Amino acid sequence: MDAALDRRAAVKALLQDRGELLVVSGLGSSSYDVFAAGDHPANFYLWGAMGGAAMIGLGLALAQPSRPVAVITGDGEQLMGLGSLATIAAKKPKNLAIIVLDNAHFGETGMQQSHSGLGANLELIATGAGFPSVSTIADQAALDAFRPKLHDLAGPHFARVGISTEHVDRALPARDGVYLKTRFRRHLGYPVS
């Protein structure tokens, strides 16, 4: 595995100056990281649906084509939903970025080595699926170079961010699904009853 960034610092850097960015966070640690970077009504934290973050992001990107959408998820969650990468590449949403925080371990179930730690190359999988923009982020310079892609509407983009396996305390966003859904819908300007 390549160099490893601090997960919290990397997510915070990605979300600085977020503007109109809508963010879907995958199950577990990536939701904690997005919340720790700053709670926002344009954050949709997943507490279930393992493997579904990228597809939720795709649906949101198709429904909101003028708004940039980022999915921030972990390697274990994305590995469970590999087929979503082919679907996203086929649908070609220009406003969608999939960002995988990859520590090569299943952090939520005991730090067992994940498939990316056993040789699966997520960048090659995304390239093979047909993503026109694929990035490997292993240092701050690469992170800074990728950040503008979150807003350029020339996607879909895929990025794998090599992160450290160091323990990070949990930062827990709200767990009430109805509250999170309602807050997100209000942010998008939809009526809520």
N, C-alpha and C. Protein backbone atom coordinates (compact mmCIF):
# COMPACT_ATOMS: atom_id res chain seq x y z
N MET A 1 0.85 -1.18 0.00
CA MET A 1 0.00 0.00 0.00
C MET A 1 0.89 1.24 0.00
N ASP A 2 0.42 2.29 -0.67
CA ASP A 2 1.21 3.52 -0.77
C ASP A 2 1.13 4.33 0.52
N ALA A 3 1.61 5.55 0.47
CA ALA A 3 1.61 6.44 1.63
C ALA A 3 0.20 6.58 2.20
N ALA A 4 0.14 6.83 3.49
CA ALA A 4 -1.15 6.89 4.16
C ALA A 4 -1.38 8.25 4.79
N LEU A 5 -2.47 8.89 4.41
CA LEU A 5 -2.87 10.18 4.95
C LEU A 5 -3.71 9.98 6.21
N ASP A 6 -3.76 10.99 7.04
CA ASP A 6 -4.67 11.00 8.17
C ASP A 6 -6.09 11.18 7.62
N ARG A 7 -6.98 10.24 7.93
CA ARG A 7 -8.32 10.24 7.34
C ARG A 7 -9.09 11.52 7.64
N ARG A 8 -9.06 11.98 8.89
CA ARG A 8 -9.83 13.17 9.26
C ARG A 8 -9.30 14.41 8.55
N ALA A 9 -7.99 14.55 8.50
CA ALA A 9 -7.40 15.71 7.83
C ALA A 9 -7.71 15.67 6.33
N ALA A 10 -7.67 14.48 5.73
CA ALA A 10 -7.96 14.37 4.29
C ALA A 10 -9.40 14.75 3.98
N VAL A 11 -10.34 14.25 4.77
CA VAL A 11 -11.76 14.58 4.51
C VAL A 11 -12.01 16.06 4.76
N LYS A 12 -11.44 16.59 5.82
CA LYS A 12 -11.61 18.02 6.10
C LYS A 12 -11.07 18.86 4.94
N ALA A 13 -9.91 18.47 4.40
CA ALA A 13 -9.33 19.20 3.27
C ALA A 13 -10.22 19.10 2.03
N LEU A 14 -10.79 17.93 1.79
CA LEU A 14 -11.68 17.77 0.63
C LEU A 14 -12.92 18.65 0.75
N LEU A 15 -13.43 18.80 1.96
CA LEU A 15 -14.69 19.52 2.15
C LEU A 15 -14.53 21.00 2.46
N GLN A 16 -13.30 21.50 2.48
CA GLN A 16 -13.14 22.94 2.70
C GLN A 16 -13.68 23.68 1.49
N ASP A 17 -14.25 24.81 1.71
CA ASP A 17 -14.85 25.61 0.62
C ASP A 17 -15.79 24.77 -0.22
N ARG A 18 -16.69 24.03 0.43
CA ARG A 18 -17.55 23.07 -0.25
C ARG A 18 -18.62 23.71 -1.12
N GLY A 19 -19.00 24.93 -0.86
CA GLY A 19 -20.01 25.59 -1.68
C GLY A 19 -21.30 24.80 -1.75
N GLU A 20 -21.75 24.48 -2.95
CA GLU A 20 -23.02 23.79 -3.18
C GLU A 20 -22.90 22.27 -3.16
N LEU A 21 -21.77 21.75 -2.74
CA LEU A 21 -21.51 20.31 -2.77
C LEU A 21 -22.47 19.54 -1.87
N LEU A 22 -23.10 18.52 -2.45
CA LEU A 22 -23.92 17.58 -1.70
C LEU A 22 -23.04 16.37 -1.41
N VAL A 23 -23.10 15.86 -0.16
CA VAL A 23 -22.20 14.78 0.25
C VAL A 23 -23.00 13.61 0.79
N VAL A 24 -22.75 12.42 0.23
CA VAL A 24 -23.29 11.17 0.76
C VAL A 24 -22.10 10.45 1.39
N SER A 25 -22.24 10.06 2.65
CA SER A 25 -21.15 9.35 3.30
C SER A 25 -21.53 7.91 3.53
N GLY A 26 -20.57 7.03 3.30
CA GLY A 26 -20.80 5.60 3.46
C GLY A 26 -20.90 5.20 4.91
N LEU A 27 -21.30 3.98 5.10
CA LEU A 27 -21.49 3.40 6.41
C LEU A 27 -20.22 3.47 7.25
N GLY A 28 -20.35 3.83 8.51
CA GLY A 28 -19.25 3.74 9.46
C GLY A 28 -18.31 4.92 9.46
N SER A 29 -17.02 4.62 9.42
CA SER A 29 -15.98 5.63 9.66
C SER A 29 -16.04 6.81 8.70
N SER A 30 -16.42 6.59 7.46
CA SER A 30 -16.48 7.73 6.54
C SER A 30 -17.57 8.72 6.96
N SER A 31 -18.67 8.22 7.52
CA SER A 31 -19.69 9.14 8.06
C SER A 31 -19.14 9.91 9.25
N TYR A 32 -18.36 9.24 10.10
CA TYR A 32 -17.76 9.92 11.24
C TYR A 32 -16.80 11.01 10.75
N ASP A 33 -16.04 10.71 9.69
CA ASP A 33 -15.07 11.67 9.15
C ASP A 33 -15.77 12.88 8.55
N VAL A 34 -16.84 12.66 7.78
CA VAL A 34 -17.58 13.77 7.17
C VAL A 34 -18.18 14.64 8.27
N PHE A 35 -18.76 14.02 9.29
CA PHE A 35 -19.35 14.76 10.41
C PHE A 35 -18.26 15.56 11.14
N ALA A 36 -17.11 14.95 11.39
CA ALA A 36 -16.02 15.63 12.09
C ALA A 36 -15.51 16.83 11.30
N ALA A 37 -15.62 16.79 9.98
CA ALA A 37 -15.18 17.91 9.13
C ALA A 37 -16.15 19.09 9.22
N GLY A 38 -17.33 18.86 9.77
CA GLY A 38 -18.32 19.92 9.95
C GLY A 38 -19.69 19.46 9.51
N ASP A 39 -20.59 19.35 10.47
CA ASP A 39 -21.96 18.94 10.14
C ASP A 39 -22.57 19.98 9.20
N HIS A 40 -23.37 19.52 8.28
CA HIS A 40 -23.96 20.41 7.26
C HIS A 40 -25.26 19.79 6.79
N PRO A 41 -26.29 20.60 6.52
CA PRO A 41 -27.55 20.02 6.04
C PRO A 41 -27.44 19.38 4.66
N ALA A 42 -26.34 19.61 3.94
CA ALA A 42 -26.12 18.97 2.64
C ALA A 42 -25.34 17.67 2.78
N ASN A 43 -25.16 17.18 4.02
CA ASN A 43 -24.54 15.88 4.27
C ASN A 43 -25.64 14.86 4.48
N PHE A 44 -25.55 13.74 3.78
CA PHE A 44 -26.49 12.63 3.98
C PHE A 44 -25.68 11.44 4.49
N TYR A 45 -25.77 11.23 5.80
CA TYR A 45 -25.01 10.17 6.45
C TYR A 45 -25.76 8.85 6.35
N LEU A 46 -25.06 7.81 5.95
CA LEU A 46 -25.69 6.49 5.89
C LEU A 46 -25.38 5.72 7.17
N TRP A 47 -26.39 5.14 7.74
CA TRP A 47 -26.25 4.29 8.92
C TRP A 47 -26.55 2.84 8.58
N GLY A 48 -26.80 2.56 7.36
CA GLY A 48 -27.08 1.21 6.91
C GLY A 48 -26.81 1.14 5.42
N ALA A 49 -27.38 0.17 4.74
CA ALA A 49 -27.25 0.04 3.29
C ALA A 49 -25.80 -0.17 2.87
N MET A 50 -25.09 -1.05 3.56
CA MET A 50 -23.68 -1.32 3.23
C MET A 50 -23.56 -1.68 1.75
N GLY A 51 -22.69 -0.96 1.07
CA GLY A 51 -22.48 -1.17 -0.35
C GLY A 51 -23.33 -0.26 -1.22
N GLY A 52 -24.19 0.56 -0.62
CA GLY A 52 -25.13 1.37 -1.39
C GLY A 52 -24.79 2.83 -1.54
N ALA A 53 -23.73 3.32 -0.93
CA ALA A 53 -23.44 4.76 -0.96
C ALA A 53 -23.27 5.30 -2.38
N ALA A 54 -22.53 4.59 -3.21
CA ALA A 54 -22.29 5.08 -4.58
C ALA A 54 -23.60 5.16 -5.38
N MET A 55 -24.48 4.18 -5.18
CA MET A 55 -25.76 4.21 -5.92
C MET A 55 -26.68 5.31 -5.41
N ILE A 56 -26.65 5.58 -4.11
CA ILE A 56 -27.42 6.71 -3.59
C ILE A 56 -26.86 8.00 -4.18
N GLY A 57 -25.55 8.10 -4.25
CA GLY A 57 -24.92 9.27 -4.88
C GLY A 57 -25.30 9.41 -6.34
N LEU A 58 -25.36 8.28 -7.05
CA LEU A 58 -25.78 8.32 -8.46
C LEU A 58 -27.20 8.85 -8.58
N GLY A 59 -28.11 8.33 -7.80
CA GLY A 59 -29.49 8.81 -7.85
C GLY A 59 -29.59 10.29 -7.56
N LEU A 60 -28.85 10.74 -6.57
CA LEU A 60 -28.85 12.16 -6.21
C LEU A 60 -28.26 13.00 -7.34
N ALA A 61 -27.17 12.54 -7.94
CA ALA A 61 -26.54 13.28 -9.04
C ALA A 61 -27.48 13.40 -10.24
N LEU A 62 -28.21 12.32 -10.53
CA LEU A 62 -29.16 12.36 -11.66
C LEU A 62 -30.35 13.27 -11.35
N ALA A 63 -30.78 13.30 -10.09
CA ALA A 63 -31.93 14.13 -9.70
C ALA A 63 -31.56 15.61 -9.56
N GLN A 64 -30.29 15.89 -9.28
CA GLN A 64 -29.80 17.26 -9.08
C GLN A 64 -28.63 17.55 -10.02
N PRO A 65 -28.85 17.55 -11.33
CA PRO A 65 -27.74 17.62 -12.28
C PRO A 65 -26.92 18.91 -12.24
N SER A 66 -27.45 19.97 -11.64
CA SER A 66 -26.69 21.22 -11.58
C SER A 66 -25.88 21.35 -10.29
N ARG A 67 -26.03 20.39 -9.38
CA ARG A 67 -25.31 20.43 -8.10
C ARG A 67 -24.21 19.37 -8.10
N PRO A 68 -23.00 19.73 -7.65
CA PRO A 68 -21.97 18.71 -7.52
C PRO A 68 -22.29 17.77 -6.36
N VAL A 69 -22.02 16.47 -6.56
CA VAL A 69 -22.30 15.44 -5.56
C VAL A 69 -21.02 14.65 -5.33
N ALA A 70 -20.69 14.45 -4.06
CA ALA A 70 -19.53 13.61 -3.70
C ALA A 70 -20.01 12.49 -2.79
N VAL A 71 -19.56 11.29 -3.09
CA VAL A 71 -19.74 10.15 -2.20
C VAL A 71 -18.39 9.92 -1.54
N ILE A 72 -18.38 9.95 -0.21
CA ILE A 72 -17.16 9.67 0.54
C ILE A 72 -17.42 8.40 1.32
N THR A 73 -16.69 7.34 0.97
CA THR A 73 -16.94 6.04 1.57
C THR A 73 -15.63 5.30 1.80
N GLY A 74 -15.71 4.15 2.42
CA GLY A 74 -14.52 3.37 2.70
C GLY A 74 -14.32 2.25 1.70
N ASP A 75 -13.14 1.63 1.75
CA ASP A 75 -12.83 0.55 0.82
C ASP A 75 -13.75 -0.65 1.03
N GLY A 76 -14.05 -1.01 2.27
CA GLY A 76 -14.92 -2.15 2.52
C GLY A 76 -16.32 -1.93 1.97
N GLU A 77 -16.86 -0.73 2.19
CA GLU A 77 -18.20 -0.40 1.71
C GLU A 77 -18.24 -0.40 0.18
N GLN A 78 -17.21 0.19 -0.45
CA GLN A 78 -17.20 0.25 -1.91
C GLN A 78 -16.94 -1.12 -2.53
N LEU A 79 -16.10 -1.93 -1.89
CA LEU A 79 -15.87 -3.28 -2.39
C LEU A 79 -17.16 -4.09 -2.40
N MET A 80 -18.04 -3.85 -1.43
CA MET A 80 -19.30 -4.56 -1.40
C MET A 80 -20.22 -4.12 -2.54
N GLY A 81 -20.02 -2.92 -3.06
CA GLY A 81 -20.86 -2.41 -4.13
C GLY A 81 -20.09 -2.15 -5.42
N LEU A 82 -19.21 -3.08 -5.82
CA LEU A 82 -18.39 -2.85 -7.01
C LEU A 82 -19.21 -2.64 -8.28
N GLY A 83 -20.34 -3.33 -8.39
CA GLY A 83 -21.17 -3.17 -9.58
C GLY A 83 -21.65 -1.75 -9.79
N SER A 84 -21.74 -0.99 -8.71
CA SER A 84 -22.19 0.40 -8.84
C SER A 84 -21.23 1.22 -9.69
N LEU A 85 -19.95 0.88 -9.68
CA LEU A 85 -18.99 1.63 -10.49
C LEU A 85 -19.29 1.48 -11.98
N ALA A 86 -19.67 0.29 -12.40
CA ALA A 86 -20.03 0.07 -13.81
C ALA A 86 -21.29 0.85 -14.17
N THR A 87 -22.27 0.85 -13.28
CA THR A 87 -23.52 1.58 -13.54
C THR A 87 -23.26 3.08 -13.62
N ILE A 88 -22.46 3.60 -12.70
CA ILE A 88 -22.14 5.04 -12.71
C ILE A 88 -21.41 5.40 -14.00
N ALA A 89 -20.44 4.60 -14.39
CA ALA A 89 -19.70 4.88 -15.63
C ALA A 89 -20.62 4.84 -16.84
N ALA A 90 -21.59 3.94 -16.85
CA ALA A 90 -22.53 3.84 -17.97
C ALA A 90 -23.48 5.04 -18.01
N LYS A 91 -23.91 5.53 -16.85
CA LYS A 91 -24.85 6.66 -16.79
C LYS A 91 -24.15 8.00 -17.00
N LYS A 92 -22.84 8.08 -16.74
CA LYS A 92 -22.02 9.26 -16.99
C LYS A 92 -22.51 10.56 -16.33
N PRO A 93 -22.83 10.53 -15.04
CA PRO A 93 -23.22 11.79 -14.38
C PRO A 93 -22.01 12.71 -14.24
N LYS A 94 -22.06 13.84 -14.88
CA LYS A 94 -20.91 14.75 -14.89
C LYS A 94 -20.68 15.41 -13.54
N ASN A 95 -21.67 15.35 -12.66
CA ASN A 95 -21.59 16.05 -11.37
C ASN A 95 -21.29 15.13 -10.20
N LEU A 96 -20.78 13.93 -10.45
CA LEU A 96 -20.58 12.95 -9.38
C LEU A 96 -19.10 12.59 -9.21
N ALA A 97 -18.67 12.57 -7.95
CA ALA A 97 -17.32 12.10 -7.60
C ALA A 97 -17.46 11.02 -6.54
N ILE A 98 -16.79 9.90 -6.76
CA ILE A 98 -16.74 8.81 -5.78
C ILE A 98 -15.34 8.84 -5.17
N ILE A 99 -15.28 9.02 -3.86
CA ILE A 99 -14.01 9.11 -3.14
C ILE A 99 -13.96 7.96 -2.14
N VAL A 100 -13.00 7.07 -2.31
CA VAL A 100 -12.88 5.90 -1.44
C VAL A 100 -11.69 6.11 -0.51
N LEU A 101 -11.99 6.14 0.79
CA LEU A 101 -10.96 6.21 1.82
C LEU A 101 -10.47 4.78 2.06
N ASP A 102 -9.26 4.48 1.62
CA ASP A 102 -8.78 3.10 1.59
C ASP A 102 -7.65 2.88 2.58
N ASN A 103 -7.94 2.15 3.65
CA ASN A 103 -6.90 1.75 4.60
C ASN A 103 -6.58 0.26 4.49
N ALA A 104 -7.17 -0.39 3.47
CA ALA A 104 -6.95 -1.81 3.18
C ALA A 104 -7.44 -2.73 4.29
N HIS A 105 -8.39 -2.23 5.08
CA HIS A 105 -8.94 -3.01 6.19
C HIS A 105 -10.44 -2.75 6.33
N PHE A 106 -11.12 -3.71 6.92
CA PHE A 106 -12.53 -3.56 7.27
C PHE A 106 -12.59 -2.98 8.68
N GLY A 107 -12.63 -1.67 8.77
CA GLY A 107 -12.53 -0.98 10.05
C GLY A 107 -13.70 -1.20 10.99
N GLU A 108 -14.86 -1.44 10.48
CA GLU A 108 -16.05 -1.55 11.33
C GLU A 108 -16.22 -2.94 11.93
N THR A 109 -15.46 -3.92 11.46
CA THR A 109 -15.68 -5.29 11.94
C THR A 109 -14.45 -5.91 12.58
N GLY A 110 -13.44 -5.10 12.88
CA GLY A 110 -12.29 -5.64 13.59
C GLY A 110 -10.95 -5.49 12.90
N MET A 111 -10.88 -4.69 11.85
CA MET A 111 -9.64 -4.41 11.12
C MET A 111 -9.05 -5.62 10.40
N GLN A 112 -9.93 -6.50 9.90
CA GLN A 112 -9.44 -7.57 9.03
C GLN A 112 -8.97 -6.93 7.71
N GLN A 113 -7.99 -7.53 7.10
CA GLN A 113 -7.50 -7.01 5.83
C GLN A 113 -8.59 -7.11 4.76
N SER A 114 -8.77 -6.03 4.01
CA SER A 114 -9.78 -6.01 2.95
C SER A 114 -9.17 -6.49 1.64
N HIS A 115 -10.00 -6.62 0.63
CA HIS A 115 -9.51 -7.06 -0.69
C HIS A 115 -8.50 -6.08 -1.27
N SER A 116 -8.65 -4.79 -0.98
CA SER A 116 -7.66 -3.84 -1.50
C SER A 116 -6.30 -4.06 -0.84
N GLY A 117 -6.29 -4.59 0.37
CA GLY A 117 -5.04 -4.95 1.02
C GLY A 117 -4.48 -6.27 0.52
N LEU A 118 -5.31 -7.02 -0.18
CA LEU A 118 -4.90 -8.32 -0.72
C LEU A 118 -4.65 -8.28 -2.22
N GLY A 119 -4.62 -7.06 -2.78
CA GLY A 119 -4.25 -6.93 -4.18
C GLY A 119 -5.29 -6.33 -5.11
N ALA A 120 -6.55 -6.21 -4.69
CA ALA A 120 -7.55 -5.59 -5.56
C ALA A 120 -7.20 -4.11 -5.74
N ASN A 121 -7.16 -3.66 -6.98
CA ASN A 121 -6.79 -2.29 -7.31
C ASN A 121 -8.05 -1.52 -7.70
N LEU A 122 -8.54 -0.70 -6.79
CA LEU A 122 -9.80 0.01 -7.04
C LEU A 122 -9.71 0.98 -8.20
N GLU A 123 -8.52 1.57 -8.42
CA GLU A 123 -8.37 2.48 -9.56
C GLU A 123 -8.51 1.72 -10.88
N LEU A 124 -7.92 0.53 -10.97
CA LEU A 124 -8.05 -0.26 -12.20
C LEU A 124 -9.49 -0.72 -12.41
N ILE A 125 -10.18 -1.04 -11.32
CA ILE A 125 -11.58 -1.44 -11.43
C ILE A 125 -12.41 -0.27 -11.96
N ALA A 126 -12.19 0.93 -11.42
CA ALA A 126 -12.93 2.11 -11.89
C ALA A 126 -12.60 2.43 -13.34
N THR A 127 -11.33 2.31 -13.70
CA THR A 127 -10.93 2.54 -15.09
C THR A 127 -11.58 1.52 -16.00
N GLY A 128 -11.55 0.26 -15.61
CA GLY A 128 -12.16 -0.80 -16.41
C GLY A 128 -13.67 -0.63 -16.53
N ALA A 129 -14.30 -0.06 -15.51
CA ALA A 129 -15.74 0.18 -15.56
C ALA A 129 -16.07 1.30 -16.55
N GLY A 130 -15.10 2.19 -16.80
CA GLY A 130 -15.33 3.26 -17.76
C GLY A 130 -15.31 4.67 -17.18
N PHE A 131 -14.83 4.84 -15.95
CA PHE A 131 -14.70 6.20 -15.40
C PHE A 131 -13.68 6.97 -16.23
N PRO A 132 -14.03 8.18 -16.69
CA PRO A 132 -13.09 8.95 -17.49
C PRO A 132 -12.01 9.64 -16.66
N SER A 133 -12.24 9.74 -15.36
CA SER A 133 -11.32 10.46 -14.47
C SER A 133 -11.08 9.60 -13.24
N VAL A 134 -9.85 9.09 -13.09
CA VAL A 134 -9.48 8.23 -11.97
C VAL A 134 -8.20 8.76 -11.35
N SER A 135 -8.23 8.95 -10.04
CA SER A 135 -7.08 9.52 -9.33
C SER A 135 -6.67 8.64 -8.16
N THR A 136 -5.37 8.63 -7.90
CA THR A 136 -4.82 8.01 -6.71
C THR A 136 -4.28 9.14 -5.85
N ILE A 137 -4.76 9.21 -4.61
CA ILE A 137 -4.36 10.29 -3.71
C ILE A 137 -3.56 9.68 -2.56
N ALA A 138 -2.27 10.03 -2.52
CA ALA A 138 -1.38 9.49 -1.50
C ALA A 138 -0.67 10.57 -0.69
N ASP A 139 -0.88 11.83 -1.08
CA ASP A 139 -0.23 12.92 -0.34
C ASP A 139 -1.07 14.19 -0.47
N GLN A 140 -0.68 15.20 0.27
CA GLN A 140 -1.44 16.45 0.30
C GLN A 140 -1.50 17.11 -1.08
N ALA A 141 -0.42 17.05 -1.83
CA ALA A 141 -0.41 17.67 -3.16
C ALA A 141 -1.47 17.03 -4.07
N ALA A 142 -1.57 15.70 -4.05
CA ALA A 142 -2.58 15.02 -4.86
C ALA A 142 -3.99 15.35 -4.38
N LEU A 143 -4.17 15.47 -3.07
CA LEU A 143 -5.46 15.85 -2.51
C LEU A 143 -5.85 17.25 -2.99
N ASP A 144 -4.92 18.17 -2.92
CA ASP A 144 -5.17 19.54 -3.38
C ASP A 144 -5.47 19.59 -4.87
N ALA A 145 -4.80 18.75 -5.65
CA ALA A 145 -5.03 18.71 -7.10
C ALA A 145 -6.39 18.13 -7.43
N PHE A 146 -6.88 17.20 -6.60
CA PHE A 146 -8.18 16.57 -6.86
C PHE A 146 -9.35 17.46 -6.45
N ARG A 147 -9.21 18.25 -5.41
CA ARG A 147 -10.33 19.02 -4.84
C ARG A 147 -11.14 19.80 -5.89
N PRO A 148 -10.53 20.49 -6.86
CA PRO A 148 -11.34 21.22 -7.85
C PRO A 148 -12.26 20.32 -8.68
N LYS A 149 -11.92 19.05 -8.82
CA LYS A 149 -12.77 18.13 -9.58
C LYS A 149 -14.13 17.94 -8.93
N LEU A 150 -14.24 18.22 -7.63
CA LEU A 150 -15.52 18.09 -6.95
C LEU A 150 -16.54 19.08 -7.49
N HIS A 151 -16.08 20.15 -8.16
CA HIS A 151 -16.98 21.20 -8.62
C HIS A 151 -16.94 21.42 -10.13
N ASP A 152 -16.11 20.69 -10.88
CA ASP A 152 -15.93 21.04 -12.29
C ASP A 152 -16.99 20.47 -13.23
N LEU A 153 -17.87 19.60 -12.75
CA LEU A 153 -18.96 19.03 -13.54
C LEU A 153 -18.47 18.42 -14.85
N ALA A 154 -17.32 17.76 -14.79
CA ALA A 154 -16.77 17.06 -15.96
C ALA A 154 -16.50 15.60 -15.60
N GLY A 155 -17.29 15.05 -14.70
CA GLY A 155 -17.10 13.68 -14.23
C GLY A 155 -17.82 12.67 -15.08
N PRO A 156 -18.04 11.50 -14.54
CA PRO A 156 -17.81 11.16 -13.15
C PRO A 156 -16.34 10.97 -12.83
N HIS A 157 -16.00 11.29 -11.58
CA HIS A 157 -14.64 11.15 -11.08
C HIS A 157 -14.59 10.02 -10.07
N PHE A 158 -13.46 9.36 -10.00
CA PHE A 158 -13.19 8.35 -8.98
C PHE A 158 -11.84 8.67 -8.37
N ALA A 159 -11.77 8.61 -7.04
CA ALA A 159 -10.48 8.81 -6.37
C ALA A 159 -10.36 7.82 -5.23
N ARG A 160 -9.19 7.21 -5.15
CA ARG A 160 -8.86 6.37 -4.00
C ARG A 160 -7.85 7.13 -3.17
N VAL A 161 -8.21 7.35 -1.90
CA VAL A 161 -7.35 8.07 -0.97
C VAL A 161 -6.72 7.06 -0.01
N GLY A 162 -5.42 6.90 -0.07
CA GLY A 162 -4.72 6.00 0.84
C GLY A 162 -4.68 6.62 2.23
N ILE A 163 -5.34 5.97 3.20
CA ILE A 163 -5.41 6.53 4.56
C ILE A 163 -4.75 5.58 5.56
N SER A 164 -4.38 6.14 6.67
CA SER A 164 -3.72 5.40 7.74
C SER A 164 -4.70 4.46 8.45
N THR A 165 -4.16 3.42 9.04
CA THR A 165 -4.96 2.51 9.85
C THR A 165 -5.01 2.96 11.31
N GLU A 166 -4.40 4.08 11.64
CA GLU A 166 -4.39 4.58 13.02
C GLU A 166 -5.82 4.75 13.54
N HIS A 167 -6.02 4.41 14.81
CA HIS A 167 -7.33 4.56 15.44
C HIS A 167 -7.72 6.03 15.51
N VAL A 168 -8.96 6.32 15.20
CA VAL A 168 -9.52 7.67 15.31
C VAL A 168 -10.81 7.55 16.11
N ASP A 169 -10.96 8.40 17.12
CA ASP A 169 -12.19 8.37 17.92
C ASP A 169 -13.40 8.66 17.04
N ARG A 170 -14.50 8.04 17.38
CA ARG A 170 -15.72 8.26 16.62
C ARG A 170 -16.26 9.66 16.86
N ALA A 171 -16.77 10.25 15.81
CA ALA A 171 -17.50 11.51 15.86
C ALA A 171 -18.86 11.17 15.26
N LEU A 172 -19.87 11.07 16.08
CA LEU A 172 -21.14 10.51 15.65
C LEU A 172 -22.16 11.56 15.22
N PRO A 173 -22.55 11.55 13.95
CA PRO A 173 -23.65 12.42 13.52
C PRO A 173 -24.97 11.87 14.05
N ALA A 174 -26.02 12.63 13.83
CA ALA A 174 -27.36 12.18 14.23
C ALA A 174 -27.63 10.80 13.61
N ARG A 175 -28.33 9.97 14.37
CA ARG A 175 -28.63 8.61 13.89
C ARG A 175 -30.10 8.45 13.52
N ASP A 176 -30.87 9.49 13.66
CA ASP A 176 -32.30 9.45 13.36
C ASP A 176 -32.50 9.60 11.85
N GLY A 177 -32.85 8.50 11.19
CA GLY A 177 -32.99 8.51 9.74
C GLY A 177 -34.04 9.49 9.23
N VAL A 178 -35.15 9.60 9.92
CA VAL A 178 -36.21 10.53 9.50
C VAL A 178 -35.70 11.96 9.59
N TYR A 179 -35.02 12.29 10.68
CA TYR A 179 -34.45 13.63 10.83
C TYR A 179 -33.46 13.94 9.70
N LEU A 180 -32.54 13.01 9.43
CA LEU A 180 -31.54 13.23 8.40
C LEU A 180 -32.18 13.39 7.02
N LYS A 181 -33.16 12.55 6.71
CA LYS A 181 -33.85 12.65 5.42
C LYS A 181 -34.58 13.99 5.31
N THR A 182 -35.27 14.38 6.37
CA THR A 182 -36.04 15.62 6.35
C THR A 182 -35.12 16.83 6.21
N ARG A 183 -34.04 16.83 6.96
CA ARG A 183 -33.09 17.94 6.89
C ARG A 183 -32.51 18.06 5.49
N PHE A 184 -32.15 16.93 4.89
CA PHE A 184 -31.57 16.93 3.54
C PHE A 184 -32.59 17.41 2.51
N ARG A 185 -33.82 16.93 2.62
CA ARG A 185 -34.87 17.37 1.68
C ARG A 185 -35.13 18.87 1.80
N ARG A 186 -35.16 19.38 3.02
CA ARG A 186 -35.35 20.82 3.22
C ARG A 186 -34.21 21.60 2.57
N HIS A 187 -32.98 21.11 2.74
CA HIS A 187 -31.83 21.78 2.15
C HIS A 187 -31.97 21.86 0.63
N LEU A 188 -32.55 20.82 0.02
CA LEU A 188 -32.74 20.80 -1.42
C LEU A 188 -33.96 21.61 -1.87
N GLY A 189 -34.73 22.09 -0.91
CA GLY A 189 -35.89 22.92 -1.25
C GLY A 189 -37.16 22.15 -1.49
N TYR A 190 -37.20 20.89 -1.08
CA TYR A 190 -38.40 20.09 -1.24
C TYR A 190 -39.32 20.29 -0.04
N PRO A 191 -40.64 20.29 -0.26
CA PRO A 191 -41.56 20.40 0.88
C PRO A 191 -41.48 19.13 1.72
N VAL A 192 -41.61 19.35 3.01
CA VAL A 192 -41.59 18.22 3.97
C VAL A 192 -42.84 18.30 4.80
N SER A 193 -43.54 17.19 4.86
CA SER A 193 -44.78 17.20 5.65
C SER A 193 -44.64 16.33 6.87
